[in-house]
Amino acid sequence: MTERAMQEPTLLLLTALADAPRHGYALIQEIAAISDGRVKMRTGTLYGALDRLLQQGLIEVAAEEIVDGRARRTYALTEGGRGALTTEAERLSAVAEEAQRRLAAVREPSARPAAVRPVAGGGKLAFFKVRGAFS
């Protein structure tokens, strides 16, 4: 059985840590950059995810320091985290490649599989039914 796909916050956090260790605020900024501003991770979500990834052994605390009277932890990928990110990147790449292949394929209306036929009823939407599936 294959592993479940990685949730987006996990994927983004591991990706943000792939090239360098980072502290919390830097991770929030990096995730926004990676996602082209689409994802704005809140601190509660970030630290919950970091705690979970620490427990799973995918990241580790690389350094702890006091900055302006506050504790700052810097996080880094572990070898297990790097492996999990590599596996997920390969999975996503294979799916994207297949999607591109299928989108590029030119299909004529007559090339529709024989088991699928248009359902009578018209309108603006075309509905299809598999023969025998609803009979």
N, C-alpha and C. Protein backbone atom coordinates (compact mmCIF):
# COMPACT_ATOMS: atom_id res chain seq x y z
N MET A 1 0.84 -1.18 0.00
CA MET A 1 0.00 0.00 0.00
C MET A 1 0.88 1.24 0.00
N THR A 2 0.48 2.24 -0.77
CA THR A 2 1.28 3.46 -0.85
C THR A 2 0.89 4.41 0.27
N GLU A 3 1.82 5.29 0.58
CA GLU A 3 1.55 6.29 1.62
C GLU A 3 0.60 7.34 1.10
N ARG A 4 -0.10 7.97 2.02
CA ARG A 4 -1.02 9.05 1.68
C ARG A 4 -0.24 10.26 1.16
N ALA A 5 -0.87 11.01 0.27
CA ALA A 5 -0.24 12.23 -0.23
C ALA A 5 -0.04 13.21 0.92
N MET A 6 1.01 13.98 0.83
CA MET A 6 1.34 14.96 1.86
C MET A 6 0.34 16.11 1.80
N GLN A 7 -0.06 16.58 2.95
CA GLN A 7 -0.93 17.75 3.01
C GLN A 7 -0.12 18.99 2.61
N GLU A 8 -0.79 19.98 2.04
CA GLU A 8 -0.08 21.15 1.52
C GLU A 8 0.76 21.88 2.57
N PRO A 9 0.28 22.12 3.79
CA PRO A 9 1.15 22.80 4.77
C PRO A 9 2.45 22.04 5.03
N THR A 10 2.37 20.72 5.10
CA THR A 10 3.56 19.90 5.31
C THR A 10 4.50 20.03 4.12
N LEU A 11 3.95 19.90 2.93
CA LEU A 11 4.76 20.03 1.71
C LEU A 11 5.46 21.39 1.65
N LEU A 12 4.73 22.44 1.95
CA LEU A 12 5.31 23.78 1.90
C LEU A 12 6.38 23.98 2.97
N LEU A 13 6.14 23.48 4.18
CA LEU A 13 7.14 23.61 5.26
C LEU A 13 8.42 22.86 4.92
N LEU A 14 8.28 21.62 4.47
CA LEU A 14 9.47 20.84 4.13
C LEU A 14 10.21 21.48 2.96
N THR A 15 9.47 21.99 1.99
CA THR A 15 10.10 22.66 0.85
C THR A 15 10.85 23.91 1.31
N ALA A 16 10.25 24.66 2.23
CA ALA A 16 10.89 25.88 2.75
C ALA A 16 12.18 25.56 3.50
N LEU A 17 12.27 24.36 4.05
CA LEU A 17 13.47 23.97 4.81
C LEU A 17 14.47 23.18 3.96
N ALA A 18 14.13 22.90 2.72
CA ALA A 18 14.98 22.04 1.88
C ALA A 18 16.34 22.63 1.59
N ASP A 19 16.43 23.96 1.46
CA ASP A 19 17.71 24.56 1.08
C ASP A 19 18.46 25.21 2.24
N ALA A 20 17.76 25.44 3.37
CA ALA A 20 18.44 26.07 4.51
C ALA A 20 17.56 25.99 5.76
N PRO A 21 18.17 25.92 6.94
CA PRO A 21 17.39 25.99 8.17
C PRO A 21 16.76 27.38 8.30
N ARG A 22 15.59 27.44 8.93
CA ARG A 22 14.89 28.72 9.08
C ARG A 22 14.14 28.75 10.41
N HIS A 23 13.92 29.95 10.92
CA HIS A 23 13.09 30.14 12.12
C HIS A 23 11.65 30.41 11.67
N GLY A 24 10.73 30.47 12.63
CA GLY A 24 9.31 30.57 12.34
C GLY A 24 8.89 31.68 11.40
N TYR A 25 9.31 32.92 11.69
CA TYR A 25 8.90 34.05 10.84
C TYR A 25 9.45 33.90 9.43
N ALA A 26 10.69 33.44 9.32
CA ALA A 26 11.30 33.21 8.01
C ALA A 26 10.54 32.12 7.25
N LEU A 27 10.05 31.12 7.95
CA LEU A 27 9.25 30.06 7.31
C LEU A 27 7.95 30.62 6.75
N ILE A 28 7.29 31.48 7.52
CA ILE A 28 6.05 32.11 7.04
C ILE A 28 6.32 32.89 5.75
N GLN A 29 7.40 33.65 5.74
CA GLN A 29 7.75 34.43 4.54
C GLN A 29 8.11 33.53 3.36
N GLU A 30 8.86 32.49 3.64
CA GLU A 30 9.29 31.57 2.59
C GLU A 30 8.10 30.83 1.98
N ILE A 31 7.16 30.41 2.82
CA ILE A 31 5.96 29.73 2.33
C ILE A 31 5.14 30.66 1.44
N ALA A 32 5.03 31.90 1.82
CA ALA A 32 4.32 32.88 0.98
C ALA A 32 5.03 33.03 -0.37
N ALA A 33 6.35 33.04 -0.36
CA ALA A 33 7.11 33.18 -1.61
C ALA A 33 6.97 31.93 -2.48
N ILE A 34 7.09 30.76 -1.87
CA ILE A 34 6.97 29.50 -2.61
C ILE A 34 5.60 29.38 -3.27
N SER A 35 4.57 29.80 -2.56
CA SER A 35 3.20 29.67 -3.07
C SER A 35 2.78 30.89 -3.88
N ASP A 36 3.71 31.79 -4.15
CA ASP A 36 3.43 33.02 -4.91
C ASP A 36 2.33 33.84 -4.23
N GLY A 37 2.36 33.85 -2.89
CA GLY A 37 1.41 34.64 -2.10
C GLY A 37 0.06 33.98 -1.88
N ARG A 38 -0.16 32.81 -2.44
CA ARG A 38 -1.45 32.12 -2.32
C ARG A 38 -1.67 31.60 -0.90
N VAL A 39 -0.61 31.16 -0.23
CA VAL A 39 -0.72 30.62 1.13
C VAL A 39 -0.08 31.58 2.11
N LYS A 40 -0.86 32.02 3.08
CA LYS A 40 -0.37 32.87 4.17
C LYS A 40 -0.58 32.08 5.45
N MET A 41 0.45 31.36 5.86
CA MET A 41 0.34 30.50 7.02
C MET A 41 0.31 31.32 8.30
N ARG A 42 -0.67 31.07 9.13
CA ARG A 42 -0.79 31.76 10.42
C ARG A 42 0.14 31.09 11.43
N THR A 43 0.51 31.85 12.44
CA THR A 43 1.48 31.34 13.41
C THR A 43 0.96 30.10 14.14
N GLY A 44 -0.32 30.08 14.49
CA GLY A 44 -0.87 28.90 15.17
C GLY A 44 -0.77 27.65 14.31
N THR A 45 -1.08 27.78 13.03
CA THR A 45 -0.97 26.66 12.09
C THR A 45 0.48 26.25 11.93
N LEU A 46 1.36 27.25 11.81
CA LEU A 46 2.78 26.97 11.63
C LEU A 46 3.34 26.17 12.80
N TYR A 47 3.14 26.66 14.02
CA TYR A 47 3.76 26.00 15.16
C TYR A 47 3.12 24.65 15.47
N GLY A 48 1.84 24.50 15.18
CA GLY A 48 1.21 23.18 15.29
C GLY A 48 1.83 22.19 14.32
N ALA A 49 2.04 22.64 13.08
CA ALA A 49 2.65 21.78 12.07
C ALA A 49 4.10 21.48 12.42
N LEU A 50 4.83 22.48 12.90
CA LEU A 50 6.23 22.24 13.29
C LEU A 50 6.32 21.21 14.42
N ASP A 51 5.45 21.32 15.41
CA ASP A 51 5.44 20.33 16.51
C ASP A 51 5.17 18.93 15.98
N ARG A 52 4.21 18.82 15.06
CA ARG A 52 3.88 17.51 14.48
C ARG A 52 5.06 16.95 13.68
N LEU A 53 5.70 17.80 12.88
CA LEU A 53 6.84 17.36 12.07
C LEU A 53 8.04 16.99 12.94
N LEU A 54 8.21 17.70 14.07
CA LEU A 54 9.25 17.32 15.02
C LEU A 54 8.98 15.94 15.59
N GLN A 55 7.74 15.67 15.99
CA GLN A 55 7.36 14.37 16.54
C GLN A 55 7.54 13.26 15.52
N GLN A 56 7.28 13.56 14.25
CA GLN A 56 7.41 12.57 13.19
C GLN A 56 8.86 12.36 12.76
N GLY A 57 9.76 13.20 13.26
CA GLY A 57 11.17 13.08 12.92
C GLY A 57 11.52 13.60 11.55
N LEU A 58 10.64 14.42 10.95
CA LEU A 58 10.91 14.97 9.62
C LEU A 58 11.73 16.26 9.68
N ILE A 59 11.67 16.93 10.82
CA ILE A 59 12.48 18.13 11.04
C ILE A 59 13.11 18.03 12.42
N GLU A 60 14.08 18.91 12.68
CA GLU A 60 14.73 18.98 13.99
C GLU A 60 15.01 20.43 14.31
N VAL A 61 15.22 20.70 15.59
CA VAL A 61 15.64 22.04 16.00
C VAL A 61 17.14 22.12 15.77
N ALA A 62 17.52 23.01 14.87
CA ALA A 62 18.94 23.16 14.53
C ALA A 62 19.65 24.10 15.48
N ALA A 63 18.91 25.08 16.02
CA ALA A 63 19.51 26.06 16.94
C ALA A 63 18.42 26.73 17.75
N GLU A 64 18.78 27.17 18.95
CA GLU A 64 17.88 27.96 19.80
C GLU A 64 18.70 29.14 20.31
N GLU A 65 18.10 30.32 20.22
CA GLU A 65 18.78 31.52 20.69
C GLU A 65 17.75 32.50 21.23
N ILE A 66 18.23 33.46 21.97
CA ILE A 66 17.37 34.53 22.49
C ILE A 66 17.60 35.77 21.63
N VAL A 67 16.53 36.27 21.04
CA VAL A 67 16.60 37.46 20.20
C VAL A 67 15.58 38.46 20.73
N ASP A 68 16.04 39.64 21.11
CA ASP A 68 15.17 40.67 21.69
C ASP A 68 14.36 40.12 22.87
N GLY A 69 15.01 39.31 23.69
CA GLY A 69 14.37 38.77 24.88
C GLY A 69 13.41 37.61 24.62
N ARG A 70 13.33 37.15 23.38
CA ARG A 70 12.41 36.05 23.04
C ARG A 70 13.20 34.88 22.47
N ALA A 71 12.72 33.67 22.80
CA ALA A 71 13.38 32.47 22.28
C ALA A 71 13.07 32.32 20.80
N ARG A 72 14.10 31.99 20.04
CA ARG A 72 13.92 31.74 18.61
C ARG A 72 14.53 30.38 18.29
N ARG A 73 13.70 29.51 17.74
CA ARG A 73 14.17 28.20 17.29
C ARG A 73 14.35 28.22 15.79
N THR A 74 15.43 27.62 15.35
CA THR A 74 15.67 27.45 13.93
C THR A 74 15.50 25.97 13.62
N TYR A 75 14.73 25.69 12.58
CA TYR A 75 14.39 24.31 12.22
C TYR A 75 15.12 23.90 10.96
N ALA A 76 15.41 22.59 10.85
CA ALA A 76 16.08 22.04 9.68
C ALA A 76 15.45 20.70 9.33
N LEU A 77 15.59 20.31 8.08
CA LEU A 77 15.13 18.98 7.65
C LEU A 77 16.05 17.91 8.22
N THR A 78 15.47 16.79 8.58
CA THR A 78 16.26 15.61 8.91
C THR A 78 16.45 14.81 7.63
N GLU A 79 17.23 13.77 7.67
CA GLU A 79 17.37 12.89 6.49
C GLU A 79 16.01 12.28 6.15
N GLY A 80 15.23 11.92 7.18
CA GLY A 80 13.89 11.39 6.94
C GLY A 80 12.98 12.41 6.27
N GLY A 81 13.09 13.66 6.68
CA GLY A 81 12.31 14.74 6.06
C GLY A 81 12.71 14.97 4.62
N ARG A 82 14.02 14.91 4.37
CA ARG A 82 14.51 15.07 2.99
C ARG A 82 14.01 13.92 2.11
N GLY A 83 14.01 12.72 2.66
CA GLY A 83 13.51 11.57 1.91
C GLY A 83 12.01 11.67 1.63
N ALA A 84 11.25 12.10 2.64
CA ALA A 84 9.80 12.26 2.46
C ALA A 84 9.49 13.33 1.43
N LEU A 85 10.23 14.43 1.46
CA LEU A 85 10.03 15.51 0.49
C LEU A 85 10.40 15.04 -0.92
N THR A 86 11.48 14.31 -1.04
CA THR A 86 11.90 13.78 -2.35
C THR A 86 10.83 12.86 -2.92
N THR A 87 10.31 11.97 -2.09
CA THR A 87 9.26 11.04 -2.52
C THR A 87 8.02 11.79 -2.98
N GLU A 88 7.60 12.79 -2.21
CA GLU A 88 6.41 13.58 -2.56
C GLU A 88 6.64 14.39 -3.82
N ALA A 89 7.82 14.96 -3.99
CA ALA A 89 8.12 15.73 -5.20
C ALA A 89 8.08 14.82 -6.43
N GLU A 90 8.59 13.61 -6.31
CA GLU A 90 8.54 12.65 -7.42
C GLU A 90 7.11 12.26 -7.74
N ARG A 91 6.29 12.05 -6.71
CA ARG A 91 4.88 11.70 -6.91
C ARG A 91 4.15 12.82 -7.63
N LEU A 92 4.34 14.05 -7.15
CA LEU A 92 3.68 15.20 -7.77
C LEU A 92 4.14 15.42 -9.20
N SER A 93 5.42 15.21 -9.44
CA SER A 93 5.97 15.37 -10.78
C SER A 93 5.35 14.35 -11.74
N ALA A 94 5.20 13.11 -11.29
CA ALA A 94 4.61 12.07 -12.13
C ALA A 94 3.15 12.38 -12.44
N VAL A 95 2.41 12.87 -11.46
CA VAL A 95 1.00 13.23 -11.68
C VAL A 95 0.91 14.40 -12.65
N ALA A 96 1.75 15.43 -12.45
CA ALA A 96 1.73 16.59 -13.33
C ALA A 96 2.11 16.20 -14.76
N GLU A 97 3.09 15.32 -14.90
CA GLU A 97 3.50 14.86 -16.22
C GLU A 97 2.36 14.13 -16.92
N GLU A 98 1.67 13.29 -16.19
CA GLU A 98 0.53 12.56 -16.78
C GLU A 98 -0.59 13.52 -17.15
N ALA A 99 -0.85 14.51 -16.31
CA ALA A 99 -1.88 15.50 -16.63
C ALA A 99 -1.51 16.26 -17.90
N GLN A 100 -0.25 16.66 -18.02
CA GLN A 100 0.20 17.36 -19.23
C GLN A 100 0.08 16.48 -20.46
N ARG A 101 0.43 15.21 -20.32
CA ARG A 101 0.34 14.27 -21.44
C ARG A 101 -1.11 14.16 -21.91
N ARG A 102 -2.02 14.03 -20.96
CA ARG A 102 -3.43 13.87 -21.32
C ARG A 102 -4.01 15.16 -21.89
N LEU A 103 -3.60 16.30 -21.36
CA LEU A 103 -4.08 17.57 -21.89
C LEU A 103 -3.58 17.80 -23.31
N ALA A 104 -2.39 17.32 -23.61
CA ALA A 104 -1.80 17.52 -24.93
C ALA A 104 -2.41 16.58 -25.98
N ALA A 105 -2.99 15.49 -25.53
CA ALA A 105 -3.57 14.52 -26.47
C ALA A 105 -4.78 15.14 -27.15
N VAL A 106 -4.80 15.06 -28.45
CA VAL A 106 -5.93 15.60 -29.21
C VAL A 106 -6.95 14.48 -29.36
N ARG A 107 -8.14 14.74 -28.88
CA ARG A 107 -9.21 13.73 -28.96
C ARG A 107 -10.34 14.28 -29.81
N GLU A 108 -10.68 13.54 -30.80
CA GLU A 108 -11.82 13.86 -31.66
C GLU A 108 -13.08 13.34 -30.97
N PRO A 109 -14.24 13.97 -31.22
CA PRO A 109 -15.48 13.45 -30.62
C PRO A 109 -15.71 11.98 -30.96
N SER A 110 -15.29 11.54 -32.15
CA SER A 110 -15.49 10.14 -32.54
C SER A 110 -14.55 9.20 -31.81
N ALA A 111 -13.54 9.74 -31.13
CA ALA A 111 -12.57 8.92 -30.40
C ALA A 111 -13.05 8.61 -28.99
N ARG A 112 -14.28 9.02 -28.65
CA ARG A 112 -14.84 8.76 -27.34
C ARG A 112 -14.95 7.25 -27.13
N PRO A 113 -14.65 6.73 -25.96
CA PRO A 113 -14.75 5.29 -25.72
C PRO A 113 -16.15 4.77 -26.04
N ALA A 114 -16.22 3.56 -26.60
CA ALA A 114 -17.48 2.98 -27.05
C ALA A 114 -18.49 2.80 -25.92
N ALA A 115 -18.03 2.61 -24.69
CA ALA A 115 -18.95 2.35 -23.58
C ALA A 115 -19.65 3.62 -23.09
N VAL A 116 -19.23 4.78 -23.58
CA VAL A 116 -19.82 6.04 -23.13
C VAL A 116 -20.61 6.64 -24.28
N ARG A 117 -21.83 7.06 -24.00
CA ARG A 117 -22.65 7.68 -25.04
C ARG A 117 -23.33 8.91 -24.49
N PRO A 118 -23.63 9.90 -25.36
CA PRO A 118 -24.34 11.09 -24.89
C PRO A 118 -25.74 10.72 -24.41
N VAL A 119 -26.20 11.38 -23.37
CA VAL A 119 -27.55 11.18 -22.85
C VAL A 119 -28.45 12.22 -23.49
N ALA A 120 -29.59 11.80 -23.96
CA ALA A 120 -30.54 12.71 -24.58
C ALA A 120 -31.01 13.73 -23.55
N GLY A 121 -31.31 14.92 -23.99
CA GLY A 121 -31.82 15.92 -23.07
C GLY A 121 -31.27 17.29 -23.35
N GLY A 122 -30.17 17.37 -24.05
CA GLY A 122 -29.63 18.65 -24.50
C GLY A 122 -29.34 19.63 -23.39
N GLY A 123 -29.66 20.89 -23.66
CA GLY A 123 -29.26 21.96 -22.77
C GLY A 123 -27.84 22.36 -23.10
N LYS A 124 -27.27 23.25 -22.32
CA LYS A 124 -25.92 23.71 -22.58
C LYS A 124 -24.87 22.69 -22.14
N LEU A 125 -25.22 21.83 -21.19
CA LEU A 125 -24.26 20.85 -20.69
C LEU A 125 -24.45 19.52 -21.38
N ALA A 126 -23.36 18.86 -21.69
CA ALA A 126 -23.43 17.53 -22.28
C ALA A 126 -23.24 16.52 -21.15
N PHE A 127 -24.18 15.61 -21.01
CA PHE A 127 -24.11 14.60 -19.98
C PHE A 127 -23.83 13.25 -20.62
N PHE A 128 -23.03 12.43 -19.95
CA PHE A 128 -22.68 11.13 -20.48
C PHE A 128 -23.03 10.06 -19.46
N LYS A 129 -23.28 8.86 -19.97
CA LYS A 129 -23.64 7.75 -19.12
C LYS A 129 -22.92 6.51 -19.63
N VAL A 130 -22.45 5.66 -18.74
CA VAL A 130 -21.83 4.40 -19.13
C VAL A 130 -22.95 3.41 -19.38
N ARG A 131 -22.90 2.76 -20.54
CA ARG A 131 -23.94 1.78 -20.88
C ARG A 131 -24.03 0.72 -19.83
N GLY A 132 -25.24 0.45 -19.40
CA GLY A 132 -25.48 -0.61 -18.44
C GLY A 132 -25.30 -0.18 -17.00
N ALA A 133 -24.66 0.95 -16.75
CA ALA A 133 -24.40 1.36 -15.37
C ALA A 133 -25.64 1.84 -14.68
N PHE A 134 -26.60 2.42 -15.41
CA PHE A 134 -27.80 2.99 -14.79
C PHE A 134 -29.08 2.32 -15.28
N SER A 135 -28.94 1.27 -16.05
CA SER A 135 -30.12 0.60 -16.63
C SER A 135 -30.74 -0.34 -15.64
